[in-house]
């Protein structure tokens, strides 16, 4: 598949779940600068064996063109890339100022970021900390604000977007067992999901370019380093989300301005914990080399 069908490329999603108004779309061409719109992004010449990842894609977020692919249509465990869809589903149905009270059940997922039962904080700050630090507790609490139907909201968006290889079984992407992951999707699906989230919530997604996140709660200051920090020295970095579990290996989805005003989405699935960052650099270097006159 070389490009998205026109109907998908211009898609505006109004999510039916909870009556929310979610928008996931490729940015229309007329909203880009004239120079960026005229820039030709060519498919890149890269040996798939140069990547440690089992699957990868480089996706032009403006045109929907695939600039590189390696097993891009194969469904694989998503790990914490799941949090992009969880955030989308919650923001479609809850105001960022909604107060969320942490429960003991919210603190059951793997990891301890310092939250305690009874802590109360705005949804927006919870999602900020959750995306930057990949905090599982934050996303368990955010999803619980939708009640028992949060999975319907997440999977409903995936169906509407025609993400045919993608489905969610929890809001964190944590493995359910030694054989079953918490979410599955293809690199191509993840690229479209990431592009859509970035387009609708650029300020929130852009927080992942920070080196750390802090929240004030219960008289305490909780601080965590950004999991995407190894990408922050790459020119044009607009935001990214990491993921890692035993089943998924190292996953990473990131948005870059390849040229000014021309965002591309780079996705690697089932790399290694360190290799996912090297793979993204390899993709971006090959893409920028292809732009050379």
C-alpha atoms as a PDB file:
ATOM      1  CA  UNK A   1       0.000   0.000   0.000  1.00  0.00           C
ATOM      2  CA  UNK A   2       1.594   3.258  -1.153  1.00  0.00           C
ATOM      3  CA  UNK A   3      -0.883   5.799   0.166  1.00  0.00           C
ATOM      4  CA  UNK A   4      -4.069   6.209   2.130  1.00  0.00           C
ATOM      5  CA  UNK A   5      -7.314   6.285   0.171  1.00  0.00           C
ATOM      6  CA  UNK A   6      -8.543   9.876  -0.220  1.00  0.00           C
ATOM      7  CA  UNK A   7     -11.558   9.182   1.981  1.00  0.00           C
ATOM      8  CA  UNK A   8      -9.316   8.170   4.860  1.00  0.00           C
ATOM      9  CA  UNK A   9      -6.799  10.955   4.229  1.00  0.00           C
ATOM     10  CA  UNK A  10      -9.502  13.578   4.734  1.00  0.00           C
ATOM     11  CA  UNK A  11     -11.277  11.745   7.542  1.00  0.00           C
ATOM     12  CA  UNK A  12     -12.730  13.691  10.425  1.00  0.00           C
ATOM     13  CA  UNK A  13     -13.887  11.429  13.207  1.00  0.00           C
ATOM     14  CA  UNK A  14     -16.785  12.338  15.417  1.00  0.00           C
ATOM     15  CA  UNK A  15     -16.678   9.551  17.948  1.00  0.00           C
ATOM     16  CA  UNK A  16     -20.014   8.040  18.793  1.00  0.00           C
ATOM     17  CA  UNK A  17     -18.957   6.631  22.132  1.00  0.00           C
ATOM     18  CA  UNK A  18     -20.390   8.796  24.947  1.00  0.00           C
ATOM     19  CA  UNK A  19     -21.405  11.357  22.321  1.00  0.00           C
ATOM     20  CA  UNK A  20     -17.875  12.790  22.306  1.00  0.00           C
ATOM     21  CA  UNK A  21     -16.467  14.906  19.520  1.00  0.00           C
ATOM     22  CA  UNK A  22     -13.095  13.355  18.725  1.00  0.00           C
ATOM     23  CA  UNK A  23     -11.201  14.405  15.641  1.00  0.00           C
ATOM     24  CA  UNK A  24      -8.500  12.232  14.156  1.00  0.00           C
ATOM     25  CA  UNK A  25      -7.444  13.439  10.755  1.00  0.00           C
ATOM     26  CA  UNK A  26      -4.623  13.985   8.344  1.00  0.00           C
ATOM     27  CA  UNK A  27      -4.024  17.727   8.333  1.00  0.00           C
ATOM     28  CA  UNK A  28      -5.611  19.262   5.207  1.00  0.00           C
ATOM     29  CA  UNK A  29      -3.097  20.439   2.622  1.00  0.00           C
ATOM     30  CA  UNK A  30      -4.388  24.029   2.616  1.00  0.00           C
ATOM     31  CA  UNK A  31      -3.492  24.469   6.285  1.00  0.00           C
ATOM     32  CA  UNK A  32       0.204  23.897   5.571  1.00  0.00           C
ATOM     33  CA  UNK A  33       2.575  26.612   4.364  1.00  0.00           C
ATOM     34  CA  UNK A  34       2.943  26.902   0.582  1.00  0.00           C
ATOM     35  CA  UNK A  35       6.602  25.859   0.657  1.00  0.00           C
ATOM     36  CA  UNK A  36       5.871  22.836   2.830  1.00  0.00           C
ATOM     37  CA  UNK A  37       2.946  21.798   0.641  1.00  0.00           C
ATOM     38  CA  UNK A  38       5.199  21.821  -2.437  1.00  0.00           C
ATOM     39  CA  UNK A  39       7.984  19.828  -0.808  1.00  0.00           C
ATOM     40  CA  UNK A  40       8.229  16.357  -2.311  1.00  0.00           C
ATOM     41  CA  UNK A  41       8.877  13.623   0.208  1.00  0.00           C
ATOM     42  CA  UNK A  42      10.106  10.591  -1.681  1.00  0.00           C
ATOM     43  CA  UNK A  43      10.108   6.953  -0.562  1.00  0.00           C
ATOM     44  CA  UNK A  44      13.419   6.214   1.094  1.00  0.00           C
ATOM     45  CA  UNK A  45      15.915   3.590   0.018  1.00  0.00           C
ATOM     46  CA  UNK A  46      16.689   1.683   3.196  1.00  0.00           C
ATOM     47  CA  UNK A  47      17.472  -1.994   3.657  1.00  0.00           C
ATOM     48  CA  UNK A  48      14.886  -3.325   6.161  1.00  0.00           C
ATOM     49  CA  UNK A  49      17.684  -5.371   7.719  1.00  0.00           C
ATOM     50  CA  UNK A  50      19.251  -2.089   8.882  1.00  0.00           C
ATOM     51  CA  UNK A  51      16.542  -1.906  11.560  1.00  0.00           C
ATOM     52  CA  UNK A  52      16.417  -4.056  14.662  1.00  0.00           C
ATOM     53  CA  UNK A  53      12.634  -3.671  14.750  1.00  0.00           C
ATOM     54  CA  UNK A  54      10.484  -6.429  13.289  1.00  0.00           C
ATOM     55  CA  UNK A  55       8.060  -3.840  11.908  1.00  0.00           C
ATOM     56  CA  UNK A  56       8.422  -0.182  10.985  1.00  0.00           C
ATOM     57  CA  UNK A  57       6.889   2.576   8.913  1.00  0.00           C
ATOM     58  CA  UNK A  58       7.719   6.148   7.942  1.00  0.00           C
ATOM     59  CA  UNK A  59       4.487   7.960   7.130  1.00  0.00           C
ATOM     60  CA  UNK A  60       3.890  11.361   5.544  1.00  0.00           C
ATOM     61  CA  UNK A  61       1.263  12.898   7.840  1.00  0.00           C
ATOM     62  CA  UNK A  62       0.217  15.431   5.209  1.00  0.00           C
ATOM     63  CA  UNK A  63      -0.370  13.184   2.212  1.00  0.00           C
ATOM     64  CA  UNK A  64      -0.823   9.779   3.815  1.00  0.00           C
ATOM     65  CA  UNK A  65       2.038   8.373   1.735  1.00  0.00           C
ATOM     66  CA  UNK A  66       4.174   5.580   3.119  1.00  0.00           C
ATOM     67  CA  UNK A  67       7.820   6.556   2.681  1.00  0.00           C
ATOM     68  CA  UNK A  68       9.185   3.295   4.089  1.00  0.00           C
ATOM     69  CA  UNK A  69       7.687   0.095   5.411  1.00  0.00           C
ATOM     70  CA  UNK A  70       8.815  -3.131   6.973  1.00  0.00           C
ATOM     71  CA  UNK A  71       6.052  -5.584   7.901  1.00  0.00           C
ATOM     72  CA  UNK A  72       3.914  -2.467   8.340  1.00  0.00           C
ATOM     73  CA  UNK A  73       0.595  -4.333   8.148  1.00  0.00           C
ATOM     74  CA  UNK A  74       1.443  -7.018  10.731  1.00  0.00           C
ATOM     75  CA  UNK A  75      -0.379  -6.793  14.062  1.00  0.00           C
ATOM     76  CA  UNK A  76       1.985  -6.806  17.048  1.00  0.00           C
ATOM     77  CA  UNK A  77       1.733  -6.006  20.778  1.00  0.00           C
ATOM     78  CA  UNK A  78       1.618  -2.240  21.279  1.00  0.00           C
ATOM     79  CA  UNK A  79       2.744  -1.859  24.903  1.00  0.00           C
ATOM     80  CA  UNK A  80       2.450   1.794  26.020  1.00  0.00           C
ATOM     81  CA  UNK A  81       1.724   3.117  22.532  1.00  0.00           C
ATOM     82  CA  UNK A  82      -1.776   2.153  23.684  1.00  0.00           C
ATOM     83  CA  UNK A  83      -1.787   5.261  25.862  1.00  0.00           C
ATOM     84  CA  UNK A  84      -2.189   7.491  22.792  1.00  0.00           C
ATOM     85  CA  UNK A  85      -5.586   5.949  22.092  1.00  0.00           C
ATOM     86  CA  UNK A  86      -6.529   5.913  25.774  1.00  0.00           C
ATOM     87  CA  UNK A  87      -5.788   9.635  25.975  1.00  0.00           C
ATOM     88  CA  UNK A  88      -7.767  10.250  22.786  1.00  0.00           C
ATOM     89  CA  UNK A  89     -10.798   8.391  24.136  1.00  0.00           C
ATOM     90  CA  UNK A  90     -10.720  10.200  27.478  1.00  0.00           C
ATOM     91  CA  UNK A  91     -10.224  13.679  25.996  1.00  0.00           C
ATOM     92  CA  UNK A  92     -13.104  13.073  23.583  1.00  0.00           C
ATOM     93  CA  UNK A  93     -15.435  12.651  26.527  1.00  0.00           C
ATOM     94  CA  UNK A  94     -14.012  14.530  29.505  1.00  0.00           C
ATOM     95  CA  UNK A  95     -12.825  18.100  29.952  1.00  0.00           C
ATOM     96  CA  UNK A  96      -9.119  18.377  30.870  1.00  0.00           C
ATOM     97  CA  UNK A  97     -10.166  20.268  34.002  1.00  0.00           C
ATOM     98  CA  UNK A  98     -12.209  17.316  35.318  1.00  0.00           C
ATOM     99  CA  UNK A  99     -10.996  16.350  38.783  1.00  0.00           C
ATOM    100  CA  UNK A 100      -9.852  12.742  39.021  1.00  0.00           C
ATOM    101  CA  UNK A 101      -9.567  11.038  42.416  1.00  0.00           C
ATOM    102  CA  UNK A 102      -7.050   8.205  42.572  1.00  0.00           C
ATOM    103  CA  UNK A 103      -8.336   4.891  43.929  1.00  0.00           C
ATOM    104  CA  UNK A 104      -6.488   1.824  45.169  1.00  0.00           C
ATOM    105  CA  UNK A 105      -7.596  -0.017  42.018  1.00  0.00           C
ATOM    106  CA  UNK A 106      -5.877   2.613  39.872  1.00  0.00           C
ATOM    107  CA  UNK A 107      -2.560   1.799  41.527  1.00  0.00           C
ATOM    108  CA  UNK A 108      -2.618  -1.925  40.737  1.00  0.00           C
ATOM    109  CA  UNK A 109      -0.835  -1.772  37.335  1.00  0.00           C
ATOM    110  CA  UNK A 110       2.906  -2.271  37.154  1.00  0.00           C
ATOM    111  CA  UNK A 111       5.048   0.667  38.293  1.00  0.00           C
ATOM    112  CA  UNK A 112       4.950   3.143  41.174  1.00  0.00           C
ATOM    113  CA  UNK A 113       5.051   6.856  40.367  1.00  0.00           C
ATOM    114  CA  UNK A 114       4.223   8.056  43.883  1.00  0.00           C
ATOM    115  CA  UNK A 115       0.446   8.485  43.600  1.00  0.00           C
ATOM    116  CA  UNK A 116      -1.685   7.503  46.599  1.00  0.00           C
ATOM    117  CA  UNK A 117      -5.366   6.611  47.049  1.00  0.00           C
ATOM    118  CA  UNK A 118      -7.348   9.798  47.606  1.00  0.00           C
ATOM    119  CA  UNK A 119      -5.001  12.020  45.584  1.00  0.00           C
ATOM    120  CA  UNK A 120      -7.024  14.400  43.403  1.00  0.00           C
ATOM    121  CA  UNK A 121      -5.764  16.241  40.339  1.00  0.00           C
ATOM    122  CA  UNK A 122      -7.083  17.570  37.017  1.00  0.00           C
ATOM    123  CA  UNK A 123      -7.388  15.109  34.161  1.00  0.00           C
ATOM    124  CA  UNK A 124      -5.095  17.245  31.990  1.00  0.00           C
ATOM    125  CA  UNK A 125      -2.230  17.025  34.484  1.00  0.00           C
ATOM    126  CA  UNK A 126      -2.838  13.304  34.905  1.00  0.00           C
ATOM    127  CA  UNK A 127      -2.548  12.775  31.148  1.00  0.00           C
ATOM    128  CA  UNK A 128       0.507  15.033  30.915  1.00  0.00           C
ATOM    129  CA  UNK A 129       2.352  13.024  33.541  1.00  0.00           C
ATOM    130  CA  UNK A 130       1.033   9.803  32.043  1.00  0.00           C
ATOM    131  CA  UNK A 131       2.254  10.526  28.515  1.00  0.00           C
ATOM    132  CA  UNK A 132       5.617  12.027  29.433  1.00  0.00           C
ATOM    133  CA  UNK A 133       6.541   9.433  32.049  1.00  0.00           C
ATOM    134  CA  UNK A 134       4.414   6.587  30.597  1.00  0.00           C
ATOM    135  CA  UNK A 135       2.695   6.318  33.969  1.00  0.00           C
ATOM    136  CA  UNK A 136       0.399   3.275  34.072  1.00  0.00           C
ATOM    137  CA  UNK A 137      -1.333   4.456  37.259  1.00  0.00           C
ATOM    138  CA  UNK A 138      -2.248   7.728  35.546  1.00  0.00           C
ATOM    139  CA  UNK A 139      -3.897   5.978  32.639  1.00  0.00           C
ATOM    140  CA  UNK A 140      -5.732   3.491  34.815  1.00  0.00           C
ATOM    141  CA  UNK A 141      -7.219   6.465  36.686  1.00  0.00           C
ATOM    142  CA  UNK A 142      -7.962   8.441  33.505  1.00  0.00           C
ATOM    143  CA  UNK A 143      -9.706   5.470  31.901  1.00  0.00           C
ATOM    144  CA  UNK A 144     -11.751   4.809  35.019  1.00  0.00           C
ATOM    145  CA  UNK A 145     -13.287   8.268  34.609  1.00  0.00           C
ATOM    146  CA  UNK A 146     -15.195   6.774  31.646  1.00  0.00           C
ATOM    147  CA  UNK A 147     -16.516   3.908  33.745  1.00  0.00           C
ATOM    148  CA  UNK A 148     -16.621   0.364  32.457  1.00  0.00           C
ATOM    149  CA  UNK A 149     -17.032   1.419  28.821  1.00  0.00           C
ATOM    150  CA  UNK A 150     -13.564   2.893  28.290  1.00  0.00           C
ATOM    151  CA  UNK A 151     -12.540  -0.034  26.080  1.00  0.00           C
ATOM    152  CA  UNK A 152     -15.614   0.495  23.924  1.00  0.00           C
ATOM    153  CA  UNK A 153     -14.571   4.119  23.480  1.00  0.00           C
ATOM    154  CA  UNK A 154     -11.012   3.168  22.497  1.00  0.00           C
ATOM    155  CA  UNK A 155     -11.987   0.366  20.152  1.00  0.00           C
ATOM    156  CA  UNK A 156     -14.808   2.439  18.698  1.00  0.00           C
ATOM    157  CA  UNK A 157     -12.338   5.082  17.530  1.00  0.00           C
ATOM    158  CA  UNK A 158     -10.116   2.359  16.038  1.00  0.00           C
ATOM    159  CA  UNK A 159     -13.071   0.931  14.082  1.00  0.00           C
ATOM    160  CA  UNK A 160     -14.173   4.342  12.835  1.00  0.00           C
ATOM    161  CA  UNK A 161     -10.650   5.071  11.635  1.00  0.00           C
ATOM    162  CA  UNK A 162     -10.481   1.702   9.881  1.00  0.00           C
ATOM    163  CA  UNK A 163      -7.482   0.628  11.948  1.00  0.00           C
ATOM    164  CA  UNK A 164      -8.148  -2.955  10.939  1.00  0.00           C
ATOM    165  CA  UNK A 165      -5.218  -4.558  12.787  1.00  0.00           C
ATOM    166  CA  UNK A 166      -5.765  -2.675  16.048  1.00  0.00           C
ATOM    167  CA  UNK A 167      -7.696  -3.503  19.206  1.00  0.00           C
ATOM    168  CA  UNK A 168      -7.345  -2.738  22.894  1.00  0.00           C
ATOM    169  CA  UNK A 169      -7.829  -4.911  25.964  1.00  0.00           C
ATOM    170  CA  UNK A 170      -6.666  -2.399  28.587  1.00  0.00           C
ATOM    171  CA  UNK A 171      -5.754   1.316  28.693  1.00  0.00           C
ATOM    172  CA  UNK A 172      -2.038   0.852  29.436  1.00  0.00           C
ATOM    173  CA  UNK A 173      -0.831  -1.766  26.967  1.00  0.00           C
ATOM    174  CA  UNK A 174       0.656  -3.849  29.770  1.00  0.00           C
ATOM    175  CA  UNK A 175       0.789  -7.565  28.996  1.00  0.00           C
ATOM    176  CA  UNK A 176      -2.171  -9.500  30.356  1.00  0.00           C
ATOM    177  CA  UNK A 177      -0.171 -12.722  30.642  1.00  0.00           C
ATOM    178  CA  UNK A 178       2.951 -14.364  29.263  1.00  0.00           C
ATOM    179  CA  UNK A 179       1.095 -14.979  25.997  1.00  0.00           C
ATOM    180  CA  UNK A 180      -1.499 -12.201  25.713  1.00  0.00           C
ATOM    181  CA  UNK A 181      -0.752  -8.510  25.250  1.00  0.00           C
ATOM    182  CA  UNK A 182      -2.913  -5.626  26.424  1.00  0.00           C
ATOM    183  CA  UNK A 183      -3.265  -4.215  22.896  1.00  0.00           C
ATOM    184  CA  UNK A 184      -2.374  -5.094  19.326  1.00  0.00           C
ATOM    185  CA  UNK A 185      -1.868  -3.053  16.166  1.00  0.00           C
ATOM    186  CA  UNK A 186       0.204  -2.673  13.030  1.00  0.00           C
ATOM    187  CA  UNK A 187       2.916  -0.087  12.467  1.00  0.00           C
ATOM    188  CA  UNK A 188       0.757   1.494   9.748  1.00  0.00           C
ATOM    189  CA  UNK A 189      -2.231   1.740  12.100  1.00  0.00           C
ATOM    190  CA  UNK A 190      -0.044   3.213  14.837  1.00  0.00           C
ATOM    191  CA  UNK A 191       1.305   5.839  12.436  1.00  0.00           C
ATOM    192  CA  UNK A 192      -2.206   7.011  11.566  1.00  0.00           C
ATOM    193  CA  UNK A 193      -3.283   6.908  15.215  1.00  0.00           C
ATOM    194  CA  UNK A 194      -0.238   8.970  16.211  1.00  0.00           C
ATOM    195  CA  UNK A 195      -0.708  11.495  13.408  1.00  0.00           C
ATOM    196  CA  UNK A 196      -4.322  11.981  14.397  1.00  0.00           C
ATOM    197  CA  UNK A 197      -3.587  12.488  18.070  1.00  0.00           C
ATOM    198  CA  UNK A 198      -0.828  14.966  17.250  1.00  0.00           C
ATOM    199  CA  UNK A 199      -3.114  16.927  14.949  1.00  0.00           C
ATOM    200  CA  UNK A 200      -5.974  17.224  17.424  1.00  0.00           C
ATOM    201  CA  UNK A 201      -3.946  17.673  20.606  1.00  0.00           C
ATOM    202  CA  UNK A 202      -0.592  19.204  19.551  1.00  0.00           C
ATOM    203  CA  UNK A 203      -0.063  20.973  22.888  1.00  0.00           C
ATOM    204  CA  UNK A 204      -0.603  17.767  24.859  1.00  0.00           C
ATOM    205  CA  UNK A 205       1.465  15.620  22.524  1.00  0.00           C
ATOM    206  CA  UNK A 206       4.158  18.297  22.478  1.00  0.00           C
ATOM    207  CA  UNK A 207       4.662  17.886  26.220  1.00  0.00           C
ATOM    208  CA  UNK A 208       6.518  14.680  25.423  1.00  0.00           C
ATOM    209  CA  UNK A 209       9.370  16.817  24.094  1.00  0.00           C
ATOM    210  CA  UNK A 210      10.080  17.930  27.681  1.00  0.00           C
ATOM    211  CA  UNK A 211      12.833  16.201  29.608  1.00  0.00           C
ATOM    212  CA  UNK A 212      10.637  15.626  32.652  1.00  0.00           C
ATOM    213  CA  UNK A 213       7.134  16.104  34.028  1.00  0.00           C
ATOM    214  CA  UNK A 214       6.057  17.222  37.490  1.00  0.00           C
ATOM    215  CA  UNK A 215       2.709  17.285  39.277  1.00  0.00           C
ATOM    216  CA  UNK A 216       1.680  18.758  42.611  1.00  0.00           C
ATOM    217  CA  UNK A 217      -0.658  16.475  44.511  1.00  0.00           C
ATOM    218  CA  UNK A 218      -1.433  15.947  48.187  1.00  0.00           C
ATOM    219  CA  UNK A 219       1.228  18.435  49.213  1.00  0.00           C
ATOM    220  CA  UNK A 220       3.879  16.490  47.326  1.00  0.00           C
ATOM    221  CA  UNK A 221       5.758  17.131  44.096  1.00  0.00           C
ATOM    222  CA  UNK A 222       6.065  14.086  41.880  1.00  0.00           C
ATOM    223  CA  UNK A 223       8.675  14.249  39.127  1.00  0.00           C
ATOM    224  CA  UNK A 224       9.604  11.724  36.450  1.00  0.00           C
ATOM    225  CA  UNK A 225      11.930  11.800  33.461  1.00  0.00           C
ATOM    226  CA  UNK A 226      10.495  11.656  29.952  1.00  0.00           C
ATOM    227  CA  UNK A 227      10.709   8.209  28.412  1.00  0.00           C
ATOM    228  CA  UNK A 228      11.207   9.846  24.984  1.00  0.00           C
ATOM    229  CA  UNK A 229      14.207  11.885  26.173  1.00  0.00           C
ATOM    230  CA  UNK A 230      16.692  10.067  23.864  1.00  0.00           C
ATOM    231  CA  UNK A 231      14.910  11.646  20.872  1.00  0.00           C
ATOM    232  CA  UNK A 232      15.138  15.217  22.055  1.00  0.00           C
ATOM    233  CA  UNK A 233      18.370  16.102  20.277  1.00  0.00           C
ATOM    234  CA  UNK A 234      16.977  15.106  16.862  1.00  0.00           C
ATOM    235  CA  UNK A 235      16.125  18.207  14.779  1.00  0.00           C
ATOM    236  CA  UNK A 236      12.418  18.655  14.181  1.00  0.00           C
ATOM    237  CA  UNK A 237      11.263  16.404  17.055  1.00  0.00           C
ATOM    238  CA  UNK A 238       7.602  17.243  17.753  1.00  0.00           C
ATOM    239  CA  UNK A 239       6.708  14.505  20.235  1.00  0.00           C
ATOM    240  CA  UNK A 240       6.822  10.784  20.810  1.00  0.00           C
ATOM    241  CA  UNK A 241       5.540   7.846  22.804  1.00  0.00           C
ATOM    242  CA  UNK A 242       7.549   4.855  23.945  1.00  0.00           C
ATOM    243  CA  UNK A 243       6.441   1.358  24.842  1.00  0.00           C
ATOM    244  CA  UNK A 244       8.113  -1.725  26.247  1.00  0.00           C
ATOM    245  CA  UNK A 245       6.849  -5.045  27.581  1.00  0.00           C
ATOM    246  CA  UNK A 246       8.127  -8.607  27.452  1.00  0.00           C
ATOM    247  CA  UNK A 247       5.787  -9.454  24.578  1.00  0.00           C
ATOM    248  CA  UNK A 248       6.117  -6.184  22.669  1.00  0.00           C
ATOM    249  CA  UNK A 249       9.829  -5.584  23.012  1.00  0.00           C
ATOM    250  CA  UNK A 250      10.816  -1.981  22.330  1.00  0.00           C
ATOM    251  CA  UNK A 251       8.183   0.155  20.580  1.00  0.00           C
ATOM    252  CA  UNK A 252       8.314   3.812  19.613  1.00  0.00           C
ATOM    253  CA  UNK A 253       6.117   6.250  17.679  1.00  0.00           C
ATOM    254  CA  UNK A 254       7.342   9.791  17.063  1.00  0.00           C
ATOM    255  CA  UNK A 255       6.503  12.849  14.968  1.00  0.00           C
ATOM    256  CA  UNK A 256       9.179  14.953  13.282  1.00  0.00           C
ATOM    257  CA  UNK A 257       9.171  17.924  10.946  1.00  0.00           C
ATOM    258  CA  UNK A 258      11.238  16.415   8.154  1.00  0.00           C
ATOM    259  CA  UNK A 259      11.145  19.819   6.499  1.00  0.00           C
ATOM    260  CA  UNK A 260       9.486  22.902   7.987  1.00  0.00           C
ATOM    261  CA  UNK A 261       5.768  22.279   8.141  1.00  0.00           C
ATOM    262  CA  UNK A 262       5.959  18.724   6.777  1.00  0.00           C
ATOM    263  CA  UNK A 263       5.468  16.289   9.662  1.00  0.00           C
ATOM    264  CA  UNK A 264       6.280  12.623   9.287  1.00  0.00           C
ATOM    265  CA  UNK A 265       5.502   9.837  11.723  1.00  0.00           C
ATOM    266  CA  UNK A 266       8.144   7.194  12.415  1.00  0.00           C
ATOM    267  CA  UNK A 267       7.036   3.965  14.075  1.00  0.00           C
ATOM    268  CA  UNK A 268       9.048   0.920  15.101  1.00  0.00           C
ATOM    269  CA  UNK A 269       7.586  -2.183  16.733  1.00  0.00           C
ATOM    270  CA  UNK A 270       9.326  -5.072  18.445  1.00  0.00           C
ATOM    271  CA  UNK A 271      12.795  -3.616  18.529  1.00  0.00           C
ATOM    272  CA  UNK A 272      14.870  -3.639  21.725  1.00  0.00           C
ATOM    273  CA  UNK A 273      14.717  -1.181  24.603  1.00  0.00           C
ATOM    274  CA  UNK A 274      17.704   0.765  23.288  1.00  0.00           C
ATOM    275  CA  UNK A 275      17.405  -0.308  19.664  1.00  0.00           C
ATOM    276  CA  UNK A 276      14.072   1.454  19.137  1.00  0.00           C
ATOM    277  CA  UNK A 277      15.801   4.837  19.449  1.00  0.00           C
ATOM    278  CA  UNK A 278      18.604   3.789  17.100  1.00  0.00           C
ATOM    279  CA  UNK A 279      15.997   2.546  14.611  1.00  0.00           C
ATOM    280  CA  UNK A 280      14.180   5.885  14.616  1.00  0.00           C
ATOM    281  CA  UNK A 281      17.461   7.697  13.983  1.00  0.00           C
ATOM    282  CA  UNK A 282      18.188   5.353  11.095  1.00  0.00           C
ATOM    283  CA  UNK A 283      14.771   6.044   9.545  1.00  0.00           C
ATOM    284  CA  UNK A 284      15.120   9.809   9.921  1.00  0.00           C
ATOM    285  CA  UNK A 285      18.672   9.886   8.570  1.00  0.00           C
ATOM    286  CA  UNK A 286      17.608   7.931   5.487  1.00  0.00           C
ATOM    287  CA  UNK A 287      14.606  10.206   4.979  1.00  0.00           C
ATOM    288  CA  UNK A 288      16.690  13.363   5.200  1.00  0.00           C
ATOM    289  CA  UNK A 289      19.264  11.900   2.819  1.00  0.00           C
ATOM    290  CA  UNK A 290      16.447  11.296   0.326  1.00  0.00           C
ATOM    291  CA  UNK A 291      15.623  15.014   0.455  1.00  0.00           C
ATOM    292  CA  UNK A 292      19.097  16.032  -0.622  1.00  0.00           C
ATOM    293  CA  UNK A 293      19.124  17.608  -4.124  1.00  0.00           C
END
